């Protein structure tokens, strides 16, 4: 399979997955949809080699961090 064909298949699968995720999140809770995509954006922004975008916080505020488990 050629790289172009593989990329087209990958893009199509990604679009289908995104539509399915958005559909479920929209039905369950629109706020959850916003929170999910914000977390995805933060994850990929954190992994980007250029660092955080201009104006974006370097780390999430304390109320957005995952809760810690009691020991």
PDB file of N, CA and C in Angstrom:
ATOM      1  N   UNK A   1       0.844  -1.173   0.000  1.00  0.00           N
ATOM      2  CA  UNK A   1       0.000   0.000   0.000  1.00  0.00           C
ATOM      3  C   UNK A   1       0.892   1.238   0.000  1.00  0.00           C
ATOM      4  N   UNK A   2       0.524   2.241  -0.773  1.00  0.00           N
ATOM      5  CA  UNK A   2       1.343   3.451  -0.859  1.00  0.00           C
ATOM      6  C   UNK A   2       1.153   4.319   0.378  1.00  0.00           C
ATOM      7  N   UNK A   3       2.138   5.186   0.628  1.00  0.00           N
ATOM      8  CA  UNK A   3       2.054   6.080   1.787  1.00  0.00           C
ATOM      9  C   UNK A   3       0.836   6.988   1.702  1.00  0.00           C
ATOM     10  N   UNK A   4       0.525   7.470   0.497  1.00  0.00           N
ATOM     11  CA  UNK A   4      -0.633   8.344   0.320  1.00  0.00           C
ATOM     12  C   UNK A   4      -1.932   7.628   0.626  1.00  0.00           C
ATOM     13  N   UNK A   5      -2.033   6.381   0.186  1.00  0.00           N
ATOM     14  CA  UNK A   5      -3.242   5.593   0.451  1.00  0.00           C
ATOM     15  C   UNK A   5      -3.352   5.318   1.952  1.00  0.00           C
ATOM     16  N   UNK A   6      -2.245   4.935   2.572  1.00  0.00           N
ATOM     17  CA  UNK A   6      -2.230   4.668   4.012  1.00  0.00           C
ATOM     18  C   UNK A   6      -2.641   5.920   4.795  1.00  0.00           C
ATOM     19  N   UNK A   7      -2.107   7.076   4.407  1.00  0.00           N
ATOM     20  CA  UNK A   7      -2.443   8.327   5.094  1.00  0.00           C
ATOM     21  C   UNK A   7      -3.920   8.656   4.923  1.00  0.00           C
ATOM     22  N   UNK A   8      -4.463   8.427   3.742  1.00  0.00           N
ATOM     23  CA  UNK A   8      -5.886   8.682   3.499  1.00  0.00           C
ATOM     24  C   UNK A   8      -6.750   7.771   4.373  1.00  0.00           C
ATOM     25  N   UNK A   9      -6.361   6.501   4.499  1.00  0.00           N
ATOM     26  CA  UNK A   9      -7.097   5.580   5.371  1.00  0.00           C
ATOM     27  C   UNK A   9      -7.015   6.018   6.830  1.00  0.00           C
ATOM     28  N   UNK A  10      -5.823   6.421   7.237  1.00  0.00           N
ATOM     29  CA  UNK A  10      -5.630   6.881   8.615  1.00  0.00           C
ATOM     30  C   UNK A  10      -6.481   8.117   8.886  1.00  0.00           C
ATOM     31  N   UNK A  11      -6.477   9.058   7.953  1.00  0.00           N
ATOM     32  CA  UNK A  11      -7.281  10.275   8.114  1.00  0.00           C
ATOM     33  C   UNK A  11      -8.769   9.954   8.190  1.00  0.00           C
ATOM     34  N   UNK A  12      -9.228   9.034   7.350  1.00  0.00           N
ATOM     35  CA  UNK A  12     -10.648   8.649   7.357  1.00  0.00           C
ATOM     36  C   UNK A  12     -11.021   7.996   8.685  1.00  0.00           C
ATOM     37  N   UNK A  13     -10.168   7.123   9.191  1.00  0.00           N
ATOM     38  CA  UNK A  13     -10.431   6.476  10.487  1.00  0.00           C
ATOM     39  C   UNK A  13     -10.457   7.511  11.607  1.00  0.00           C
ATOM     40  N   UNK A  14      -9.547   8.464  11.557  1.00  0.00           N
ATOM     41  CA  UNK A  14      -9.500   9.516  12.581  1.00  0.00           C
ATOM     42  C   UNK A  14     -10.771  10.358  12.549  1.00  0.00           C
ATOM     43  N   UNK A  15     -11.258  10.687  11.353  1.00  0.00           N
ATOM     44  CA  UNK A  15     -12.497  11.469  11.236  1.00  0.00           C
ATOM     45  C   UNK A  15     -13.682  10.690  11.788  1.00  0.00           C
ATOM     46  N   UNK A  16     -13.751   9.395  11.476  1.00  0.00           N
ATOM     47  CA  UNK A  16     -14.843   8.560  11.981  1.00  0.00           C
ATOM     48  C   UNK A  16     -14.786   8.457  13.505  1.00  0.00           C
ATOM     49  N   UNK A  17     -13.593   8.259  14.040  1.00  0.00           N
ATOM     50  CA  UNK A  17     -13.440   8.150  15.490  1.00  0.00           C
ATOM     51  C   UNK A  17     -13.827   9.452  16.181  1.00  0.00           C
ATOM     52  N   UNK A  18     -13.389  10.559  15.620  1.00  0.00           N
ATOM     53  CA  UNK A  18     -13.724  11.859  16.201  1.00  0.00           C
ATOM     54  C   UNK A  18     -15.234  12.081  16.206  1.00  0.00           C
ATOM     55  N   UNK A  19     -15.896  11.746  15.102  1.00  0.00           N
ATOM     56  CA  UNK A  19     -17.348  11.909  15.016  1.00  0.00           C
ATOM     57  C   UNK A  19     -18.055  11.024  16.046  1.00  0.00           C
ATOM     58  N   UNK A  20     -17.580   9.793  16.215  1.00  0.00           N
ATOM     59  CA  UNK A  20     -18.184   8.883  17.191  1.00  0.00           C
ATOM     60  C   UNK A  20     -17.992   9.401  18.615  1.00  0.00           C
ATOM     61  N   UNK A  21     -16.778   9.854  18.922  1.00  0.00           N
ATOM     62  CA  UNK A  21     -16.492  10.391  20.257  1.00  0.00           C
ATOM     63  C   UNK A  21     -17.356  11.615  20.522  1.00  0.00           C
ATOM     64  N   UNK A  22     -17.416  12.533  19.572  1.00  0.00           N
ATOM     65  CA  UNK A  22     -18.209  13.748  19.761  1.00  0.00           C
ATOM     66  C   UNK A  22     -19.687  13.423  19.930  1.00  0.00           C
ATOM     67  N   UNK A  23     -20.190  12.451  19.170  1.00  0.00           N
ATOM     68  CA  UNK A  23     -21.594  12.073  19.295  1.00  0.00           C
ATOM     69  C   UNK A  23     -21.936  11.567  20.682  1.00  0.00           C
ATOM     70  N   UNK A  24     -21.096  10.696  21.207  1.00  0.00           N
ATOM     71  CA  UNK A  24     -21.328  10.147  22.549  1.00  0.00           C
ATOM     72  C   UNK A  24     -21.223  11.243  23.604  1.00  0.00           C
ATOM     73  N   UNK A  25     -20.179  12.049  23.529  1.00  0.00           N
ATOM     74  CA  UNK A  25     -19.988  13.099  24.520  1.00  0.00           C
ATOM     75  C   UNK A  25     -21.107  14.137  24.457  1.00  0.00           C
ATOM     76  N   UNK A  26     -21.567  14.471  23.271  1.00  0.00           N
ATOM     77  CA  UNK A  26     -22.647  15.453  23.118  1.00  0.00           C
ATOM     78  C   UNK A  26     -23.940  14.927  23.741  1.00  0.00           C
ATOM     79  N   UNK A  27     -24.224  13.640  23.538  1.00  0.00           N
ATOM     80  CA  UNK A  27     -25.441  13.056  24.126  1.00  0.00           C
ATOM     81  C   UNK A  27     -25.340  12.985  25.641  1.00  0.00           C
ATOM     82  N   UNK A  28     -24.173  12.628  26.145  1.00  0.00           N
ATOM     83  CA  UNK A  28     -24.020  12.469  27.593  1.00  0.00           C
ATOM     84  C   UNK A  28     -23.968  13.804  28.322  1.00  0.00           C
ATOM     85  N   UNK A  29     -23.098  14.679  27.837  1.00  0.00           N
ATOM     86  CA  UNK A  29     -22.910  15.947  28.547  1.00  0.00           C
ATOM     87  C   UNK A  29     -22.045  16.874  27.690  1.00  0.00           C
ATOM     88  N   UNK A  30     -22.629  17.951  27.148  1.00  0.00           N
ATOM     89  CA  UNK A  30     -21.832  18.868  26.320  1.00  0.00           C
ATOM     90  C   UNK A  30     -20.606  19.422  27.048  1.00  0.00           C
ATOM     91  N   UNK A  31     -20.708  19.634  28.355  1.00  0.00           N
ATOM     92  CA  UNK A  31     -19.555  20.142  29.107  1.00  0.00           C
ATOM     93  C   UNK A  31     -18.420  19.120  29.118  1.00  0.00           C
ATOM     94  N   UNK A  32     -18.789  17.845  29.162  1.00  0.00           N
ATOM     95  CA  UNK A  32     -17.781  16.788  29.127  1.00  0.00           C
ATOM     96  C   UNK A  32     -17.061  16.783  27.783  1.00  0.00           C
ATOM     97  N   UNK A  33     -17.787  17.058  26.709  1.00  0.00           N
ATOM     98  CA  UNK A  33     -17.187  17.136  25.375  1.00  0.00           C
ATOM     99  C   UNK A  33     -16.122  18.234  25.338  1.00  0.00           C
ATOM    100  N   UNK A  34     -16.465  19.384  25.883  1.00  0.00           N
ATOM    101  CA  UNK A  34     -15.512  20.506  25.917  1.00  0.00           C
ATOM    102  C   UNK A  34     -14.291  20.141  26.752  1.00  0.00           C
ATOM    103  N   UNK A  35     -14.528  19.535  27.913  1.00  0.00           N
ATOM    104  CA  UNK A  35     -13.422  19.155  28.791  1.00  0.00           C
ATOM    105  C   UNK A  35     -12.523  18.111  28.125  1.00  0.00           C
ATOM    106  N   UNK A  36     -13.129  17.153  27.434  1.00  0.00           N
ATOM    107  CA  UNK A  36     -12.356  16.112  26.768  1.00  0.00           C
ATOM    108  C   UNK A  36     -11.440  16.697  25.701  1.00  0.00           C
ATOM    109  N   UNK A  37     -12.002  17.521  24.815  1.00  0.00           N
ATOM    110  CA  UNK A  37     -11.183  18.063  23.729  1.00  0.00           C
ATOM    111  C   UNK A  37     -10.151  19.066  24.247  1.00  0.00           C
ATOM    112  N   UNK A  38     -10.448  19.738  25.344  1.00  0.00           N
ATOM    113  CA  UNK A  38      -9.459  20.620  25.967  1.00  0.00           C
ATOM    114  C   UNK A  38      -8.287  19.799  26.496  1.00  0.00           C
ATOM    115  N   UNK A  39      -8.606  18.654  27.123  1.00  0.00           N
ATOM    116  CA  UNK A  39      -7.547  17.780  27.630  1.00  0.00           C
ATOM    117  C   UNK A  39      -6.711  17.207  26.494  1.00  0.00           C
ATOM    118  N   UNK A  40      -7.356  16.829  25.397  1.00  0.00           N
ATOM    119  CA  UNK A  40      -6.619  16.322  24.231  1.00  0.00           C
ATOM    120  C   UNK A  40      -5.682  17.405  23.700  1.00  0.00           C
ATOM    121  N   UNK A  41      -6.206  18.617  23.584  1.00  0.00           N
ATOM    122  CA  UNK A  41      -5.381  19.731  23.091  1.00  0.00           C
ATOM    123  C   UNK A  41      -4.189  19.967  24.015  1.00  0.00           C
ATOM    124  N   UNK A  42      -4.421  19.944  25.307  1.00  0.00           N
ATOM    125  CA  UNK A  42      -3.315  20.146  26.258  1.00  0.00           C
ATOM    126  C   UNK A  42      -2.285  19.035  26.150  1.00  0.00           C
ATOM    127  N   UNK A  43      -2.761  17.807  25.986  1.00  0.00           N
ATOM    128  CA  UNK A  43      -1.842  16.673  25.868  1.00  0.00           C
ATOM    129  C   UNK A  43      -0.911  16.859  24.672  1.00  0.00           C
ATOM    130  N   UNK A  44      -1.484  17.173  23.518  1.00  0.00           N
ATOM    131  CA  UNK A  44      -0.655  17.328  22.325  1.00  0.00           C
ATOM    132  C   UNK A  44       0.168  18.600  22.357  1.00  0.00           C
ATOM    133  N   UNK A  45      -0.324  19.632  23.003  1.00  0.00           N
ATOM    134  CA  UNK A  45       0.453  20.860  23.135  1.00  0.00           C
ATOM    135  C   UNK A  45       1.664  20.606  24.022  1.00  0.00           C
ATOM    136  N   UNK A  46       1.483  19.806  25.078  1.00  0.00           N
ATOM    137  CA  UNK A  46       2.580  19.490  25.991  1.00  0.00           C
ATOM    138  C   UNK A  46       3.655  18.676  25.275  1.00  0.00           C
ATOM    139  N   UNK A  47       3.239  17.788  24.355  1.00  0.00           N
ATOM    140  CA  UNK A  47       4.193  16.952  23.640  1.00  0.00           C
ATOM    141  C   UNK A  47       4.865  17.663  22.474  1.00  0.00           C
ATOM    142  N   UNK A  48       4.363  18.835  22.107  1.00  0.00           N
ATOM    143  CA  UNK A  48       4.931  19.566  20.969  1.00  0.00           C
ATOM    144  C   UNK A  48       6.338  20.036  21.315  1.00  0.00           C
ATOM    145  N   UNK A  49       7.287  19.895  20.382  1.00  0.00           N
ATOM    146  CA  UNK A  49       8.671  20.277  20.665  1.00  0.00           C
ATOM    147  C   UNK A  49       8.867  21.777  20.871  1.00  0.00           C
ATOM    148  N   UNK A  50       7.966  22.606  20.353  1.00  0.00           N
ATOM    149  CA  UNK A  50       8.153  24.045  20.466  1.00  0.00           C
ATOM    150  C   UNK A  50       7.683  24.616  21.806  1.00  0.00           C
ATOM    151  N   UNK A  51       7.101  23.784  22.647  1.00  0.00           N
ATOM    152  CA  UNK A  51       6.643  24.253  23.949  1.00  0.00           C
ATOM    153  C   UNK A  51       5.222  24.783  23.876  1.00  0.00           C
ATOM    154  N   UNK A  52       4.741  25.354  24.976  1.00  0.00           N
ATOM    155  CA  UNK A  52       3.357  25.840  25.004  1.00  0.00           C
ATOM    156  C   UNK A  52       3.136  26.986  24.035  1.00  0.00           C
ATOM    157  N   UNK A  53       1.905  27.099  23.578  1.00  0.00           N
ATOM    158  CA  UNK A  53       1.555  28.191  22.668  1.00  0.00           C
ATOM    159  C   UNK A  53       1.601  29.521  23.400  1.00  0.00           C
ATOM    160  N   UNK A  54       1.739  30.565  22.630  1.00  0.00           N
ATOM    161  CA  UNK A  54       1.771  31.918  23.187  1.00  0.00           C
ATOM    162  C   UNK A  54       0.500  32.169  23.994  1.00  0.00           C
ATOM    163  N   UNK A  55       0.646  32.617  25.219  1.00  0.00           N
ATOM    164  CA  UNK A  55      -0.496  32.960  26.052  1.00  0.00           C
ATOM    165  C   UNK A  55      -1.094  31.777  26.791  1.00  0.00           C
ATOM    166  N   UNK A  56      -0.652  30.567  26.519  1.00  0.00           N
ATOM    167  CA  UNK A  56      -1.190  29.391  27.205  1.00  0.00           C
ATOM    168  C   UNK A  56      -0.393  29.147  28.479  1.00  0.00           C
ATOM    169  N   UNK A  57      -1.072  28.692  29.538  1.00  0.00           N
ATOM    170  CA  UNK A  57      -0.335  28.405  30.777  1.00  0.00           C
ATOM    171  C   UNK A  57       0.616  27.227  30.574  1.00  0.00           C
ATOM    172  N   UNK A  58       1.761  27.262  31.228  1.00  0.00           N
ATOM    173  CA  UNK A  58       2.748  26.195  31.090  1.00  0.00           C
ATOM    174  C   UNK A  58       2.249  24.912  31.732  1.00  0.00           C
ATOM    175  N   UNK A  59       1.451  25.022  32.792  1.00  0.00           N
ATOM    176  CA  UNK A  59       0.875  23.845  33.438  1.00  0.00           C
ATOM    177  C   UNK A  59      -0.567  24.156  33.804  1.00  0.00           C
ATOM    178  N   UNK A  60      -1.394  23.125  33.916  1.00  0.00           N
ATOM    179  CA  UNK A  60      -2.790  23.379  34.257  1.00  0.00           C
ATOM    180  C   UNK A  60      -2.923  23.994  35.641  1.00  0.00           C
ATOM    181  N   UNK A  61      -3.966  24.771  35.811  1.00  0.00           N
ATOM    182  CA  UNK A  61      -4.217  25.348  37.127  1.00  0.00           C
ATOM    183  C   UNK A  61      -4.568  24.228  38.095  1.00  0.00           C
ATOM    184  N   UNK A  62      -4.420  24.447  39.404  1.00  0.00           N
ATOM    185  CA  UNK A  62      -4.662  23.376  40.384  1.00  0.00           C
ATOM    186  C   UNK A  62      -6.045  22.736  40.252  1.00  0.00           C
ATOM    187  N   UNK A  63      -7.062  23.500  39.882  1.00  0.00           N
ATOM    188  CA  UNK A  63      -8.404  22.923  39.795  1.00  0.00           C
ATOM    189  C   UNK A  63      -8.574  22.045  38.552  1.00  0.00           C
ATOM    190  N   UNK A  64      -7.648  22.061  37.602  1.00  0.00           N
ATOM    191  CA  UNK A  64      -7.744  21.246  36.398  1.00  0.00           C
ATOM    192  C   UNK A  64      -6.862  20.006  36.459  1.00  0.00           C
ATOM    193  N   UNK A  65      -6.010  19.898  37.451  1.00  0.00           N
ATOM    194  CA  UNK A  65      -5.141  18.729  37.566  1.00  0.00           C
ATOM    195  C   UNK A  65      -5.945  17.523  38.023  1.00  0.00           C
ATOM    196  N   UNK A  66      -5.458  16.356  37.674  1.00  0.00           N
ATOM    197  CA  UNK A  66      -6.117  15.122  38.104  1.00  0.00           C
ATOM    198  C   UNK A  66      -6.033  15.011  39.619  1.00  0.00           C
ATOM    199  N   UNK A  67      -7.105  14.556  40.252  1.00  0.00           N
ATOM    200  CA  UNK A  67      -7.058  14.416  41.713  1.00  0.00           C
ATOM    201  C   UNK A  67      -6.035  13.366  42.122  1.00  0.00           C
ATOM    202  N   UNK A  68      -5.409  13.585  43.243  1.00  0.00           N
ATOM    203  CA  UNK A  68      -4.422  12.630  43.736  1.00  0.00           C
ATOM    204  C   UNK A  68      -5.130  11.572  44.565  1.00  0.00           C
ATOM    205  N   UNK A  69      -4.562  10.396  44.557  1.00  0.00           N
ATOM    206  CA  UNK A  69      -5.119   9.287  45.328  1.00  0.00           C
ATOM    207  C   UNK A  69      -4.568   9.337  46.744  1.00  0.00           C
ATOM    208  N   UNK A  70      -5.433   9.169  47.773  1.00  0.00           N
ATOM    209  CA  UNK A  70      -4.908   9.133  49.152  1.00  0.00           C
ATOM    210  C   UNK A  70      -4.042   7.898  49.333  1.00  0.00           C
ATOM    211  N   UNK A  71      -3.035   8.041  50.150  1.00  0.00           N
ATOM    212  CA  UNK A  71      -2.107   6.909  50.380  1.00  0.00           C
ATOM    213  C   UNK A  71      -2.515   6.108  51.563  1.00  0.00           C
TER     214      UNK A  71
END
